[in-house]
Protein backbone atom coordinates (compact mmCIF):
# COMPACT_ATOMS: atom_id res chain seq x y z
CA MET A 1 -132.86 26.47 -116.91
CA ASN A 2 -133.01 24.07 -113.60
CA ARG A 3 -129.28 22.54 -113.00
CA GLN A 4 -128.48 21.02 -109.53
CA LEU A 5 -126.02 23.26 -107.35
CA THR A 6 -122.68 22.35 -106.42
CA GLU A 7 -122.20 22.05 -102.06
CA LYS A 8 -120.03 25.50 -103.20
CA GLU A 9 -122.71 27.11 -104.53
CA VAL A 10 -125.46 26.36 -101.93
CA ASN A 11 -122.88 27.23 -99.09
CA LEU A 12 -123.11 31.20 -100.96
CA TYR A 13 -126.19 31.70 -99.69
CA SER A 14 -126.96 32.62 -96.13
CA PRO A 15 -128.52 31.06 -93.88
CA LEU A 16 -131.50 33.07 -93.19
CA ALA A 17 -132.06 32.59 -97.21
CA LEU A 18 -131.64 29.15 -96.86
CA ALA A 19 -134.20 29.32 -94.29
CA PHE A 20 -137.00 30.91 -96.34
CA LEU A 21 -137.03 27.92 -98.61
CA GLY A 22 -136.73 25.32 -96.12
CA ASP A 23 -139.02 27.33 -94.02
CA SER A 24 -142.14 26.35 -97.02
CA VAL A 25 -140.00 22.46 -97.97
CA TYR A 26 -140.79 21.97 -94.34
CA GLU A 27 -144.22 23.29 -94.64
CA LEU A 28 -145.35 21.66 -97.54
CA LEU A 29 -144.31 18.14 -96.11
CA VAL A 30 -146.33 18.83 -93.40
CA ARG A 31 -149.63 19.75 -95.19
CA ARG A 32 -148.98 16.83 -97.30
CA GLU A 33 -148.99 14.78 -94.33
CA ILE A 34 -151.87 16.27 -92.71
CA LEU A 35 -154.05 16.10 -95.58
CA LEU A 36 -153.21 12.37 -96.20
CA ALA A 37 -154.02 11.59 -92.57
CA ALA A 38 -157.29 13.14 -93.10
CA ASN A 39 -159.73 14.41 -95.49
CA LEU A 40 -160.97 17.69 -93.62
CA PRO A 41 -162.57 21.11 -93.99
CA ALA A 42 -159.59 23.56 -94.48
CA ALA A 43 -159.74 25.54 -91.04
CA LYS A 44 -159.46 22.20 -89.57
CA LEU A 45 -156.49 21.40 -91.22
CA HIS A 46 -154.38 25.07 -90.71
CA SER A 47 -155.09 24.96 -86.95
CA LEU A 48 -153.07 21.05 -87.26
CA LYS A 49 -150.58 22.99 -89.82
CA ILE A 50 -149.94 25.65 -87.01
CA SER A 51 -148.99 23.10 -84.61
CA ARG A 52 -146.56 21.59 -86.40
CA VAL A 53 -144.82 24.53 -88.30
CA CYS A 54 -144.55 26.86 -84.73
CA ALA A 55 -140.84 27.72 -83.85
CA SER A 56 -141.49 25.21 -80.47
CA TYR A 57 -142.54 22.22 -82.77
CA GLN A 58 -139.95 23.03 -84.56
CA ALA A 59 -137.14 23.80 -82.38
CA ALA A 60 -138.07 19.69 -80.51
CA ALA A 61 -137.54 18.47 -84.09
CA LEU A 62 -134.17 19.91 -84.57
CA GLU A 63 -133.42 18.44 -81.26
CA LYS A 64 -134.65 14.87 -82.62
CA ILE A 65 -132.70 14.74 -85.81
CA MET A 66 -129.50 15.70 -84.28
CA PRO A 67 -128.00 12.62 -83.63
CA VAL A 68 -128.39 11.44 -87.06
CA LEU A 69 -127.11 14.71 -88.60
CA ASP A 70 -123.77 14.40 -90.67
CA GLU A 71 -121.03 16.93 -90.24
CA LYS A 72 -122.20 18.81 -93.25
CA GLU A 73 -125.48 19.01 -91.96
CA MET A 74 -124.26 20.48 -88.60
CA ALA A 75 -122.27 22.49 -90.07
CA ILE A 76 -125.05 23.81 -91.86
CA VAL A 77 -127.42 24.16 -88.66
CA LYS A 78 -125.15 25.86 -86.51
CA ARG A 79 -124.69 28.42 -89.55
CA GLY A 80 -128.82 28.70 -88.93
CA ARG A 81 -129.24 29.23 -85.19
CA ASN A 82 -126.24 31.64 -85.14
CA ALA A 83 -128.09 33.71 -87.64
CA THR A 84 -129.42 36.80 -86.71
CA GLY A 85 -132.65 38.04 -87.46
CA ASN A 86 -134.79 41.09 -86.85
CA THR A 87 -137.42 39.70 -84.94
CA VAL A 88 -138.32 36.95 -82.75
CA PRO A 89 -141.91 36.26 -82.72
CA LYS A 90 -143.93 37.07 -79.59
CA HIS A 91 -145.41 33.59 -79.13
CA ALA A 92 -141.97 32.02 -79.51
CA SER A 93 -138.48 32.11 -77.25
CA ALA A 94 -135.75 32.99 -78.77
CA ALA A 95 -134.12 30.04 -78.50
CA ASP A 96 -137.01 28.08 -79.61
CA TYR A 97 -136.67 30.72 -83.03
CA ARG A 98 -133.11 30.15 -83.75
CA LYS A 99 -133.72 26.24 -83.35
CA ALA A 100 -136.49 26.20 -85.55
CA THR A 101 -134.57 28.98 -88.29
CA ALA A 102 -131.70 26.00 -88.02
CA LEU A 103 -134.28 23.21 -89.10
CA GLU A 104 -135.22 25.93 -91.55
CA CYS A 105 -131.58 26.60 -93.33
CA LEU A 106 -130.90 22.51 -93.14
CA PHE A 107 -134.49 21.67 -94.97
CA GLY A 108 -133.18 24.69 -97.41
CA TYR A 109 -129.69 23.68 -97.78
CA LEU A 110 -130.51 20.09 -98.69
CA HIS A 111 -133.37 20.79 -100.71
CA LEU A 112 -130.92 23.05 -103.14
CA LEU A 113 -128.84 19.81 -103.40
CA GLU A 114 -131.81 18.18 -104.41
CA ARG A 115 -131.35 15.69 -101.78
CA HIS A 116 -134.83 14.84 -101.42
CA ASP A 117 -134.17 11.02 -99.77
CA ARG A 118 -132.38 12.89 -96.94
CA ILE A 119 -135.21 15.19 -96.75
CA ASN A 120 -138.04 12.61 -96.65
CA GLU A 121 -135.43 10.93 -94.37
CA LEU A 122 -135.21 13.17 -91.43
CA PHE A 123 -138.78 14.26 -92.02
CA ARG A 124 -140.20 10.81 -91.26
CA ILE A 125 -138.47 11.10 -88.08
CA ILE A 126 -139.76 14.81 -87.47
CA TRP A 127 -143.27 13.43 -88.44
CA GLU A 128 -143.27 10.40 -85.86
CA MET A 129 -142.13 12.55 -82.92
CA GLU A 130 -145.48 11.78 -81.43
CA GLU A 131 -148.85 10.33 -82.21
CA PHE A 132 -150.58 12.66 -84.51
CA VAL A 133 -153.79 12.95 -83.77
CA ILE A 134 -156.67 13.79 -85.74
CA SER A 135 -159.50 15.42 -83.49
């Protein structure tokens, strides 16, 4: 049932559809890293997760990885950033929300192409942006 999609097939998905998938891919990586860092109550794990999946953090994360993106990845980021969603959350600026969507779009794109090594490489850069503090 599972077959690897071609780049042409993946490019047929809208940027918001790719972001829909990429949101969960990115969040799963964040959750895993937080859980491995400390065995804490679920409420504390949730609070720590929120700090890394919010639009402002994802916008900064996109800026951090931009220098290492290749041409195809940059094209996906631009598609995601230019995608028009219906709403912007109250706690995010429109610019941060667009960048966050672009990051999620990239993660969805890479996931559909089964480029897990690349996802992990980019995520490692993001995760190491600042020291992760458990308090």
